[in-house]
Amino acid sequence: MTVHERAYRSLVLLYPKGFRSHYRDDLVQHFADLIGRDGARRAWTRTSVDLAVTVPRYRLETIMSTGQSTVTLTIIMIALAVVGVMGIMTGVYPGVLFLFVAVGVAVSQRSQLARSIRTPGSGLRRRRLRTAAILAVTCVVTTTLMWFDLMGNEDWHGGKLMLYNAVFFATFVGALAYFVIGLLTPRSASQAVPAT
């Protein structure tokens, strides 16, 4: 192995692990063929441009993998919802916008992204039941906090009560729906009823 090939082999470490383990030998062989055909200078020029373009792309694909993007969306939705609820609880009513944005993200992005990248039967039942549990806990906690806020505050108005009821019913209905759908989801792909 020449000095150029060893140097390029070390640059292949810039690629994500999965890509690197699958294509390392092919990339090094292609680089050796380029040196043999075009010379070291042209091979390095061409390979440098290729590395500059493809390494960030493959790194971005790794970051945007199924698990990472789902976790990121979930964290964003929870953070927005918490900021919205805390804004309401502290009397900063424009914080309601964060709650609406969280619901908007949940409705528009989460389901679309989850459907497009999730493999069938990959723990879907468990995820639905876990979502039902999270919504149920959220319902109980927010209802308790809202009840203490209403009981301790003599100066509440219908708008605040209406918002509290909306949060309660959204989390309650969501928990119930996810629970029922989770129970109806087969435990694995092998238990799914084949389409006829």
N, C-alpha and C. Protein backbone atom coordinates (compact mmCIF):
# COMPACT_ATOMS: atom_id res chain seq x y z
N MET A 1 0.85 -1.18 0.00
CA MET A 1 0.00 0.00 0.00
C MET A 1 0.90 1.24 0.00
N THR A 2 0.62 2.17 -0.90
CA THR A 2 1.44 3.37 -1.03
C THR A 2 1.08 4.39 0.06
N VAL A 3 1.90 5.43 0.16
CA VAL A 3 1.66 6.50 1.12
C VAL A 3 0.33 7.19 0.82
N HIS A 4 0.05 7.39 -0.47
CA HIS A 4 -1.20 8.04 -0.87
C HIS A 4 -2.42 7.20 -0.45
N GLU A 5 -2.32 5.89 -0.65
CA GLU A 5 -3.43 5.03 -0.28
C GLU A 5 -3.64 5.00 1.23
N ARG A 6 -2.54 4.98 2.00
CA ARG A 6 -2.67 5.01 3.46
C ARG A 6 -3.29 6.34 3.91
N ALA A 7 -2.88 7.44 3.28
CA ALA A 7 -3.45 8.75 3.64
C ALA A 7 -4.93 8.79 3.32
N TYR A 8 -5.30 8.28 2.14
CA TYR A 8 -6.72 8.28 1.78
C TYR A 8 -7.50 7.36 2.69
N ARG A 9 -6.93 6.21 3.04
CA ARG A 9 -7.61 5.27 3.94
C ARG A 9 -7.90 5.94 5.28
N SER A 10 -6.99 6.79 5.76
CA SER A 10 -7.24 7.50 7.01
C SER A 10 -8.33 8.57 6.83
N LEU A 11 -8.46 9.15 5.63
CA LEU A 11 -9.52 10.13 5.38
C LEU A 11 -10.89 9.47 5.27
N VAL A 12 -10.92 8.21 4.94
CA VAL A 12 -12.19 7.49 4.87
C VAL A 12 -12.84 7.43 6.25
N LEU A 13 -12.05 7.62 7.30
CA LEU A 13 -12.59 7.64 8.67
C LEU A 13 -13.57 8.80 8.88
N LEU A 14 -13.57 9.77 7.99
CA LEU A 14 -14.51 10.89 8.10
C LEU A 14 -15.95 10.46 7.81
N TYR A 15 -16.11 9.38 7.07
CA TYR A 15 -17.46 8.89 6.77
C TYR A 15 -18.08 8.26 8.01
N PRO A 16 -19.40 8.17 8.07
CA PRO A 16 -20.05 7.48 9.20
C PRO A 16 -19.63 6.01 9.25
N LYS A 17 -19.71 5.43 10.42
CA LYS A 17 -19.20 4.08 10.65
C LYS A 17 -19.84 3.03 9.73
N GLY A 18 -21.15 3.06 9.58
CA GLY A 18 -21.82 2.08 8.75
C GLY A 18 -21.37 2.14 7.29
N PHE A 19 -21.30 3.34 6.76
CA PHE A 19 -20.85 3.53 5.38
C PHE A 19 -19.40 3.10 5.25
N ARG A 20 -18.60 3.51 6.19
CA ARG A 20 -17.16 3.23 6.17
C ARG A 20 -16.90 1.72 6.22
N SER A 21 -17.59 1.02 7.10
CA SER A 21 -17.33 -0.41 7.21
C SER A 21 -17.77 -1.18 5.97
N HIS A 22 -18.76 -0.66 5.27
CA HIS A 22 -19.26 -1.35 4.08
C HIS A 22 -18.46 -1.02 2.83
N TYR A 23 -17.98 0.22 2.69
CA TYR A 23 -17.38 0.66 1.43
C TYR A 23 -15.89 1.01 1.52
N ARG A 24 -15.26 0.90 2.67
CA ARG A 24 -13.86 1.34 2.82
C ARG A 24 -12.93 0.72 1.78
N ASP A 25 -12.95 -0.59 1.67
CA ASP A 25 -12.03 -1.26 0.75
C ASP A 25 -12.29 -0.86 -0.70
N ASP A 26 -13.55 -0.72 -1.06
CA ASP A 26 -13.88 -0.30 -2.43
C ASP A 26 -13.39 1.12 -2.70
N LEU A 27 -13.56 2.00 -1.73
CA LEU A 27 -13.10 3.39 -1.91
C LEU A 27 -11.59 3.46 -2.06
N VAL A 28 -10.88 2.72 -1.24
CA VAL A 28 -9.41 2.73 -1.33
C VAL A 28 -8.95 2.13 -2.65
N GLN A 29 -9.61 1.05 -3.08
CA GLN A 29 -9.24 0.45 -4.36
C GLN A 29 -9.51 1.40 -5.52
N HIS A 30 -10.64 2.09 -5.46
CA HIS A 30 -10.95 3.07 -6.51
C HIS A 30 -9.92 4.20 -6.52
N PHE A 31 -9.51 4.64 -5.34
CA PHE A 31 -8.50 5.68 -5.25
C PHE A 31 -7.17 5.19 -5.83
N ALA A 32 -6.79 3.96 -5.54
CA ALA A 32 -5.55 3.39 -6.10
C ALA A 32 -5.64 3.31 -7.62
N ASP A 33 -6.81 2.94 -8.14
CA ASP A 33 -7.00 2.89 -9.59
C ASP A 33 -6.89 4.28 -10.21
N LEU A 34 -7.44 5.30 -9.51
CA LEU A 34 -7.33 6.68 -10.00
C LEU A 34 -5.87 7.13 -10.07
N ILE A 35 -5.11 6.80 -9.05
CA ILE A 35 -3.68 7.17 -9.05
C ILE A 35 -2.97 6.48 -10.21
N GLY A 36 -3.27 5.21 -10.41
CA GLY A 36 -2.63 4.48 -11.51
C GLY A 36 -3.01 5.03 -12.87
N ARG A 37 -4.24 5.49 -13.02
CA ARG A 37 -4.71 5.97 -14.31
C ARG A 37 -4.39 7.45 -14.56
N ASP A 38 -4.63 8.32 -13.53
CA ASP A 38 -4.52 9.77 -13.73
C ASP A 38 -3.33 10.42 -13.04
N GLY A 39 -2.67 9.71 -12.15
CA GLY A 39 -1.58 10.30 -11.38
C GLY A 39 -2.09 10.79 -10.03
N ALA A 40 -1.15 10.98 -9.12
CA ALA A 40 -1.49 11.32 -7.73
C ALA A 40 -2.17 12.68 -7.63
N ARG A 41 -1.65 13.66 -8.37
CA ARG A 41 -2.20 15.03 -8.25
C ARG A 41 -3.67 15.08 -8.68
N ARG A 42 -3.99 14.52 -9.83
CA ARG A 42 -5.37 14.54 -10.31
C ARG A 42 -6.27 13.68 -9.43
N ALA A 43 -5.75 12.57 -8.95
CA ALA A 43 -6.54 11.70 -8.07
C ALA A 43 -6.88 12.42 -6.77
N TRP A 44 -5.90 13.13 -6.20
CA TRP A 44 -6.17 13.86 -4.95
C TRP A 44 -7.14 15.01 -5.17
N THR A 45 -7.01 15.70 -6.31
CA THR A 45 -7.93 16.80 -6.60
C THR A 45 -9.36 16.28 -6.70
N ARG A 46 -9.51 15.24 -7.47
CA ARG A 46 -10.85 14.68 -7.67
C ARG A 46 -11.40 14.10 -6.37
N THR A 47 -10.58 13.41 -5.61
CA THR A 47 -11.02 12.80 -4.37
C THR A 47 -11.32 13.84 -3.30
N SER A 48 -10.56 14.92 -3.27
CA SER A 48 -10.82 15.98 -2.28
C SER A 48 -12.19 16.61 -2.50
N VAL A 49 -12.53 16.85 -3.77
CA VAL A 49 -13.85 17.40 -4.07
C VAL A 49 -14.93 16.40 -3.66
N ASP A 50 -14.71 15.13 -3.96
CA ASP A 50 -15.67 14.09 -3.59
C ASP A 50 -15.85 14.02 -2.08
N LEU A 51 -14.76 14.06 -1.33
CA LEU A 51 -14.85 14.02 0.14
C LEU A 51 -15.59 15.25 0.67
N ALA A 52 -15.30 16.41 0.10
CA ALA A 52 -15.94 17.65 0.57
C ALA A 52 -17.46 17.63 0.34
N VAL A 53 -17.89 16.92 -0.69
CA VAL A 53 -19.32 16.87 -1.00
C VAL A 53 -20.02 15.71 -0.29
N THR A 54 -19.41 14.54 -0.29
CA THR A 54 -20.12 13.36 0.20
C THR A 54 -20.04 13.16 1.71
N VAL A 55 -18.94 13.53 2.35
CA VAL A 55 -18.84 13.32 3.80
C VAL A 55 -19.94 14.08 4.55
N PRO A 56 -20.14 15.39 4.30
CA PRO A 56 -21.24 16.07 5.01
C PRO A 56 -22.61 15.46 4.70
N ARG A 57 -22.80 15.03 3.46
CA ARG A 57 -24.09 14.44 3.08
C ARG A 57 -24.36 13.16 3.86
N TYR A 58 -23.38 12.28 3.92
CA TYR A 58 -23.57 11.03 4.65
C TYR A 58 -23.66 11.26 6.15
N ARG A 59 -22.94 12.23 6.66
CA ARG A 59 -23.05 12.57 8.09
C ARG A 59 -24.46 13.09 8.40
N LEU A 60 -24.99 13.93 7.51
CA LEU A 60 -26.34 14.47 7.70
C LEU A 60 -27.38 13.35 7.64
N GLU A 61 -27.20 12.41 6.72
CA GLU A 61 -28.13 11.28 6.64
C GLU A 61 -28.09 10.46 7.92
N THR A 62 -26.91 10.31 8.51
CA THR A 62 -26.80 9.57 9.76
C THR A 62 -27.52 10.31 10.88
N ILE A 63 -27.36 11.63 10.93
CA ILE A 63 -28.03 12.43 11.96
C ILE A 63 -29.54 12.37 11.78
N MET A 64 -29.98 12.36 10.53
CA MET A 64 -31.41 12.37 10.24
C MET A 64 -32.00 10.96 10.15
N SER A 65 -31.35 9.99 10.77
CA SER A 65 -31.86 8.63 10.75
C SER A 65 -33.18 8.55 11.49
N THR A 66 -33.83 7.42 11.39
CA THR A 66 -35.16 7.24 11.97
C THR A 66 -35.19 7.57 13.45
N GLY A 67 -34.32 6.95 14.21
CA GLY A 67 -34.32 7.16 15.66
C GLY A 67 -34.01 8.59 16.03
N GLN A 68 -33.02 9.17 15.39
CA GLN A 68 -32.61 10.53 15.73
C GLN A 68 -33.71 11.53 15.41
N SER A 69 -34.31 11.44 14.23
CA SER A 69 -35.32 12.42 13.85
C SER A 69 -36.58 12.29 14.69
N THR A 70 -36.95 11.08 15.04
CA THR A 70 -38.12 10.88 15.88
C THR A 70 -37.88 11.45 17.27
N VAL A 71 -36.71 11.19 17.83
CA VAL A 71 -36.37 11.72 19.16
C VAL A 71 -36.34 13.24 19.11
N THR A 72 -35.74 13.81 18.07
CA THR A 72 -35.66 15.26 17.95
C THR A 72 -37.05 15.88 17.87
N LEU A 73 -37.93 15.32 17.04
CA LEU A 73 -39.30 15.84 16.93
C LEU A 73 -40.04 15.73 18.26
N THR A 74 -39.86 14.62 18.95
CA THR A 74 -40.53 14.43 20.24
C THR A 74 -40.06 15.47 21.25
N ILE A 75 -38.75 15.70 21.31
CA ILE A 75 -38.20 16.69 22.24
C ILE A 75 -38.72 18.09 21.91
N ILE A 76 -38.77 18.43 20.63
CA ILE A 76 -39.27 19.74 20.22
C ILE A 76 -40.73 19.90 20.63
N MET A 77 -41.55 18.88 20.39
CA MET A 77 -42.97 18.97 20.74
C MET A 77 -43.16 19.10 22.24
N ILE A 78 -42.43 18.31 23.00
CA ILE A 78 -42.57 18.38 24.46
C ILE A 78 -42.12 19.73 24.99
N ALA A 79 -40.99 20.23 24.48
CA ALA A 79 -40.48 21.53 24.94
C ALA A 79 -41.47 22.65 24.64
N LEU A 80 -42.01 22.66 23.43
CA LEU A 80 -43.00 23.69 23.08
C LEU A 80 -44.25 23.59 23.95
N ALA A 81 -44.70 22.37 24.19
CA ALA A 81 -45.90 22.18 25.02
C ALA A 81 -45.64 22.63 26.45
N VAL A 82 -44.47 22.29 26.99
CA VAL A 82 -44.14 22.69 28.37
C VAL A 82 -44.07 24.21 28.47
N VAL A 83 -43.42 24.86 27.50
CA VAL A 83 -43.34 26.33 27.52
C VAL A 83 -44.74 26.93 27.43
N GLY A 84 -45.59 26.35 26.59
CA GLY A 84 -46.96 26.85 26.47
C GLY A 84 -47.75 26.71 27.75
N VAL A 85 -47.68 25.53 28.37
CA VAL A 85 -48.42 25.30 29.62
C VAL A 85 -47.88 26.18 30.73
N MET A 86 -46.55 26.30 30.82
CA MET A 86 -45.96 27.15 31.86
C MET A 86 -46.34 28.61 31.65
N GLY A 87 -46.43 29.04 30.41
CA GLY A 87 -46.86 30.40 30.13
C GLY A 87 -48.29 30.65 30.60
N ILE A 88 -49.14 29.67 30.37
CA ILE A 88 -50.53 29.79 30.82
C ILE A 88 -50.59 29.80 32.34
N MET A 89 -49.83 28.89 32.96
CA MET A 89 -49.85 28.78 34.42
C MET A 89 -49.34 30.05 35.10
N THR A 90 -48.40 30.74 34.48
CA THR A 90 -47.84 31.95 35.07
C THR A 90 -48.58 33.21 34.64
N GLY A 91 -49.59 33.07 33.82
CA GLY A 91 -50.37 34.23 33.41
C GLY A 91 -49.86 34.92 32.17
N VAL A 92 -48.88 34.34 31.49
CA VAL A 92 -48.36 34.91 30.24
C VAL A 92 -49.13 34.21 29.11
N TYR A 93 -50.27 34.78 28.79
CA TYR A 93 -51.18 34.11 27.87
C TYR A 93 -50.70 34.03 26.43
N PRO A 94 -49.77 34.88 25.97
CA PRO A 94 -49.23 34.63 24.63
C PRO A 94 -48.46 33.31 24.55
N GLY A 95 -48.14 32.70 25.71
CA GLY A 95 -47.51 31.39 25.72
C GLY A 95 -48.38 30.31 25.11
N VAL A 96 -49.68 30.61 24.97
CA VAL A 96 -50.60 29.67 24.34
C VAL A 96 -50.14 29.38 22.92
N LEU A 97 -49.49 30.34 22.29
CA LEU A 97 -49.00 30.14 20.93
C LEU A 97 -48.04 28.96 20.86
N PHE A 98 -47.19 28.82 21.90
CA PHE A 98 -46.26 27.69 21.93
C PHE A 98 -47.02 26.37 21.98
N LEU A 99 -48.12 26.36 22.71
CA LEU A 99 -48.93 25.15 22.79
C LEU A 99 -49.54 24.83 21.43
N PHE A 100 -50.02 25.83 20.73
CA PHE A 100 -50.57 25.61 19.40
C PHE A 100 -49.50 25.16 18.41
N VAL A 101 -48.30 25.74 18.53
CA VAL A 101 -47.20 25.33 17.66
C VAL A 101 -46.83 23.87 17.95
N ALA A 102 -46.82 23.48 19.24
CA ALA A 102 -46.52 22.09 19.60
C ALA A 102 -47.54 21.14 18.99
N VAL A 103 -48.82 21.51 19.07
CA VAL A 103 -49.86 20.68 18.47
C VAL A 103 -49.70 20.64 16.96
N GLY A 104 -49.37 21.79 16.37
CA GLY A 104 -49.15 21.84 14.92
C GLY A 104 -48.00 20.94 14.48
N VAL A 105 -46.90 20.99 15.22
CA VAL A 105 -45.76 20.12 14.91
C VAL A 105 -46.16 18.66 15.08
N ALA A 106 -46.88 18.37 16.14
CA ALA A 106 -47.30 16.99 16.40
C ALA A 106 -48.18 16.46 15.28
N VAL A 107 -49.11 17.27 14.84
CA VAL A 107 -50.05 16.81 13.82
C VAL A 107 -49.41 16.75 12.44
N SER A 108 -48.68 17.79 12.06
CA SER A 108 -48.18 17.86 10.69
C SER A 108 -46.91 17.06 10.45
N GLN A 109 -45.99 17.07 11.38
CA GLN A 109 -44.70 16.45 11.13
C GLN A 109 -44.56 15.05 11.68
N ARG A 110 -44.94 14.86 12.90
CA ARG A 110 -44.68 13.57 13.55
C ARG A 110 -45.33 12.41 12.81
N SER A 111 -46.60 12.52 12.49
CA SER A 111 -47.25 11.40 11.83
C SER A 111 -46.71 11.18 10.43
N GLN A 112 -46.46 12.26 9.72
CA GLN A 112 -45.94 12.13 8.36
C GLN A 112 -44.55 11.52 8.36
N LEU A 113 -43.68 12.01 9.23
CA LEU A 113 -42.32 11.49 9.30
C LEU A 113 -42.32 10.05 9.80
N ALA A 114 -43.11 9.77 10.80
CA ALA A 114 -43.14 8.41 11.35
C ALA A 114 -43.64 7.41 10.32
N ARG A 115 -44.65 7.78 9.56
CA ARG A 115 -45.17 6.88 8.55
C ARG A 115 -44.18 6.65 7.42
N SER A 116 -43.43 7.68 7.06
CA SER A 116 -42.55 7.54 5.90
C SER A 116 -41.27 6.79 6.21
N ILE A 117 -40.81 6.78 7.46
CA ILE A 117 -39.52 6.15 7.74
C ILE A 117 -39.60 4.94 8.65
N ARG A 118 -40.72 4.63 9.22
CA ARG A 118 -40.81 3.51 10.16
C ARG A 118 -41.02 2.21 9.39
N THR A 119 -40.30 1.20 9.77
CA THR A 119 -40.49 -0.11 9.17
C THR A 119 -41.69 -0.78 9.82
N PRO A 120 -42.46 -1.54 9.06
CA PRO A 120 -43.64 -2.18 9.62
C PRO A 120 -43.28 -3.16 10.73
N GLY A 121 -44.08 -3.16 11.78
CA GLY A 121 -43.91 -4.11 12.85
C GLY A 121 -42.68 -3.91 13.71
N SER A 122 -42.15 -2.71 13.77
CA SER A 122 -40.93 -2.49 14.54
C SER A 122 -41.25 -1.88 15.90
N GLY A 123 -42.10 -2.55 16.66
CA GLY A 123 -42.46 -2.07 17.99
C GLY A 123 -43.53 -1.02 17.98
N LEU A 124 -44.36 -1.01 16.96
CA LEU A 124 -45.40 0.00 16.83
C LEU A 124 -46.39 -0.08 17.99
N ARG A 125 -46.76 -1.28 18.38
CA ARG A 125 -47.69 -1.45 19.50
C ARG A 125 -47.12 -0.84 20.77
N ARG A 126 -45.87 -1.15 21.07
CA ARG A 126 -45.22 -0.63 22.28
C ARG A 126 -45.15 0.90 22.26
N ARG A 127 -44.83 1.47 21.10
CA ARG A 127 -44.76 2.94 21.00
C ARG A 127 -46.12 3.58 21.21
N ARG A 128 -47.17 2.96 20.67
CA ARG A 128 -48.51 3.54 20.84
C ARG A 128 -48.95 3.46 22.29
N LEU A 129 -48.69 2.34 22.94
CA LEU A 129 -49.06 2.22 24.35
C LEU A 129 -48.22 3.16 25.21
N ARG A 130 -46.96 3.35 24.88
CA ARG A 130 -46.11 4.29 25.62
C ARG A 130 -46.62 5.73 25.43
N THR A 131 -47.04 6.06 24.21
CA THR A 131 -47.60 7.39 23.97
C THR A 131 -48.89 7.58 24.77
N ALA A 132 -49.70 6.53 24.85
CA ALA A 132 -50.93 6.61 25.65
C ALA A 132 -50.59 6.86 27.11
N ALA A 133 -49.58 6.18 27.62
CA ALA A 133 -49.17 6.37 29.02
C ALA A 133 -48.65 7.78 29.26
N ILE A 134 -47.85 8.30 28.33
CA ILE A 134 -47.32 9.66 28.47
C ILE A 134 -48.45 10.68 28.46
N LEU A 135 -49.40 10.51 27.55
CA LEU A 135 -50.55 11.43 27.49
C LEU A 135 -51.39 11.34 28.76
N ALA A 136 -51.57 10.13 29.29
CA ALA A 136 -52.36 9.97 30.52
C ALA A 136 -51.68 10.65 31.70
N VAL A 137 -50.38 10.47 31.82
CA VAL A 137 -49.64 11.13 32.90
C VAL A 137 -49.70 12.65 32.72
N THR A 138 -49.55 13.11 31.48
CA THR A 138 -49.64 14.55 31.21
C THR A 138 -51.02 15.07 31.58
N CYS A 139 -52.07 14.31 31.27
CA CYS A 139 -53.44 14.70 31.62
C CYS A 139 -53.60 14.84 33.12
N VAL A 140 -53.12 13.85 33.87
CA VAL A 140 -53.26 13.89 35.33
C VAL A 140 -52.47 15.04 35.93
N VAL A 141 -51.22 15.21 35.48
CA VAL A 141 -50.37 16.27 36.05
C VAL A 141 -50.93 17.65 35.72
N THR A 142 -51.26 17.89 34.47
CA THR A 142 -51.77 19.22 34.11
C THR A 142 -53.11 19.50 34.75
N THR A 143 -53.96 18.49 34.85
CA THR A 143 -55.26 18.69 35.51
C THR A 143 -55.08 19.02 36.98
N THR A 144 -54.15 18.34 37.63
CA THR A 144 -53.88 18.62 39.04
C THR A 144 -53.34 20.03 39.22
N LEU A 145 -52.38 20.41 38.37
CA LEU A 145 -51.82 21.76 38.46
C LEU A 145 -52.88 22.82 38.18
N MET A 146 -53.73 22.56 37.20
CA MET A 146 -54.79 23.51 36.86
C MET A 146 -55.80 23.62 38.00
N TRP A 147 -56.13 22.50 38.61
CA TRP A 147 -57.09 22.51 39.72
C TRP A 147 -56.56 23.34 40.88
N PHE A 148 -55.26 23.14 41.23
CA PHE A 148 -54.67 23.94 42.30
C PHE A 148 -54.64 25.42 41.93
N ASP A 149 -54.39 25.71 40.66
CA ASP A 149 -54.37 27.11 40.21
C ASP A 149 -55.75 27.74 40.33
N LEU A 150 -56.78 27.00 39.94
CA LEU A 150 -58.14 27.54 40.01
C LEU A 150 -58.63 27.67 41.45
N MET A 151 -58.28 26.70 42.29
CA MET A 151 -58.73 26.74 43.68
C MET A 151 -58.01 27.83 44.48
N GLY A 152 -56.77 28.08 44.16
CA GLY A 152 -56.01 29.08 44.90
C GLY A 152 -56.19 30.49 44.38
N ASN A 153 -56.88 30.63 43.27
CA ASN A 153 -57.00 31.93 42.63
C ASN A 153 -58.49 32.28 42.52
N GLU A 154 -58.90 33.31 43.21
CA GLU A 154 -60.30 33.72 43.19
C GLU A 154 -60.64 34.53 41.94
N ASP A 155 -59.59 34.99 41.22
CA ASP A 155 -59.80 35.87 40.09
C ASP A 155 -59.53 35.13 38.77
N TRP A 156 -60.27 34.10 38.52
CA TRP A 156 -60.11 33.41 37.25
C TRP A 156 -61.30 33.72 36.37
N HIS A 157 -61.09 33.57 35.10
CA HIS A 157 -62.14 33.93 34.17
C HIS A 157 -62.43 32.76 33.24
N GLY A 158 -63.48 32.89 32.46
CA GLY A 158 -63.94 31.80 31.59
C GLY A 158 -62.92 31.39 30.55
N GLY A 159 -62.10 32.32 30.05
CA GLY A 159 -61.10 31.99 29.05
C GLY A 159 -60.06 31.02 29.59
N LYS A 160 -59.65 31.26 30.82
CA LYS A 160 -58.66 30.39 31.45
C LYS A 160 -59.25 29.00 31.69
N LEU A 161 -60.47 28.95 32.17
CA LEU A 161 -61.14 27.67 32.40
C LEU A 161 -61.35 26.92 31.09
N MET A 162 -61.68 27.65 30.03
CA MET A 162 -61.87 27.02 28.73
C MET A 162 -60.56 26.43 28.21
N LEU A 163 -59.46 27.14 28.42
CA LEU A 163 -58.16 26.64 28.00
C LEU A 163 -57.77 25.40 28.80
N TYR A 164 -58.00 25.43 30.11
CA TYR A 164 -57.71 24.29 30.95
C TYR A 164 -58.52 23.06 30.51
N ASN A 165 -59.78 23.28 30.20
CA ASN A 165 -60.62 22.18 29.72
C ASN A 165 -60.13 21.65 28.37
N ALA A 166 -59.69 22.54 27.50
CA ALA A 166 -59.17 22.11 26.20
C ALA A 166 -57.93 21.24 26.38
N VAL A 167 -57.02 21.63 27.28
CA VAL A 167 -55.82 20.83 27.54
C VAL A 167 -56.22 19.47 28.13
N PHE A 168 -57.14 19.49 29.08
CA PHE A 168 -57.59 18.23 29.69
C PHE A 168 -58.18 17.29 28.65
N PHE A 169 -59.13 17.80 27.85
CA PHE A 169 -59.78 16.92 26.89
C PHE A 169 -58.83 16.47 25.79
N ALA A 170 -57.92 17.33 25.37
CA ALA A 170 -56.96 16.92 24.33
C ALA A 170 -56.07 15.78 24.82
N THR A 171 -55.55 15.90 26.04
CA THR A 171 -54.68 14.84 26.56
C THR A 171 -55.48 13.59 26.91
N PHE A 172 -56.67 13.77 27.44
CA PHE A 172 -57.50 12.61 27.81
C PHE A 172 -57.92 11.82 26.57
N VAL A 173 -58.44 12.52 25.58
CA VAL A 173 -58.88 11.85 24.35
C VAL A 173 -57.68 11.24 23.63
N GLY A 174 -56.55 11.96 23.60
CA GLY A 174 -55.34 11.41 22.97
C GLY A 174 -54.87 10.14 23.66
N ALA A 175 -54.86 10.15 24.99
CA ALA A 175 -54.44 8.96 25.75
C ALA A 175 -55.38 7.79 25.48
N LEU A 176 -56.67 8.06 25.49
CA LEU A 176 -57.64 7.01 25.24
C LEU A 176 -57.52 6.45 23.83
N ALA A 177 -57.37 7.34 22.84
CA ALA A 177 -57.25 6.90 21.45
C ALA A 177 -55.98 6.08 21.24
N TYR A 178 -54.85 6.55 21.75
CA TYR A 178 -53.61 5.79 21.59
C TYR A 178 -53.68 4.45 22.32
N PHE A 179 -54.36 4.42 23.47
CA PHE A 179 -54.48 3.16 24.21
C PHE A 179 -55.29 2.14 23.41
N VAL A 180 -56.42 2.56 22.87
CA VAL A 180 -57.26 1.65 22.09
C VAL A 180 -56.53 1.21 20.82
N ILE A 181 -55.92 2.15 20.11
CA ILE A 181 -55.20 1.81 18.88
C ILE A 181 -54.02 0.90 19.20
N GLY A 182 -53.35 1.16 20.33
CA GLY A 182 -52.23 0.31 20.74
C GLY A 182 -52.67 -1.11 21.03
N LEU A 183 -53.82 -1.25 21.69
CA LEU A 183 -54.33 -2.59 21.97
C LEU A 183 -54.74 -3.33 20.70
N LEU A 184 -55.21 -2.59 19.70
CA LEU A 184 -55.63 -3.21 18.45
C LEU A 184 -54.46 -3.50 17.50
N THR A 185 -53.29 -2.92 17.77
CA THR A 185 -52.11 -3.14 16.93
C THR A 185 -51.51 -4.52 17.25
N PRO A 186 -51.19 -5.32 16.23
CA PRO A 186 -50.57 -6.63 16.49
C PRO A 186 -49.22 -6.46 17.18
N ARG A 187 -48.87 -7.46 17.99
CA ARG A 187 -47.60 -7.39 18.73
C ARG A 187 -46.40 -7.42 17.82
N SER A 188 -46.47 -8.10 16.70
CA SER A 188 -45.35 -8.16 15.76
C SER A 188 -45.90 -8.22 14.34
N ALA A 189 -44.99 -8.09 13.38
CA ALA A 189 -45.41 -8.10 11.98
C ALA A 189 -45.97 -9.47 11.59
N SER A 190 -45.51 -10.54 12.27
CA SER A 190 -46.00 -11.88 11.94
C SER A 190 -47.44 -12.09 12.38
N GLN A 191 -47.91 -11.27 13.35
CA GLN A 191 -49.29 -11.40 13.82
C GLN A 191 -50.26 -10.55 13.02
N ALA A 192 -49.75 -9.71 12.16
CA ALA A 192 -50.61 -8.84 11.37
C ALA A 192 -51.47 -9.68 10.44
N VAL A 193 -52.69 -9.26 10.25
CA VAL A 193 -53.60 -9.96 9.34
C VAL A 193 -53.23 -9.60 7.92
N PRO A 194 -52.93 -10.57 7.06
CA PRO A 194 -52.56 -10.25 5.68
C PRO A 194 -53.72 -9.63 4.92
N ALA A 195 -53.40 -8.68 4.07
CA ALA A 195 -54.44 -8.02 3.26
C ALA A 195 -54.89 -8.98 2.18
N THR A 196 -56.19 -9.01 1.91
CA THR A 196 -56.71 -9.89 0.89
C THR A 196 -57.23 -9.11 -0.29
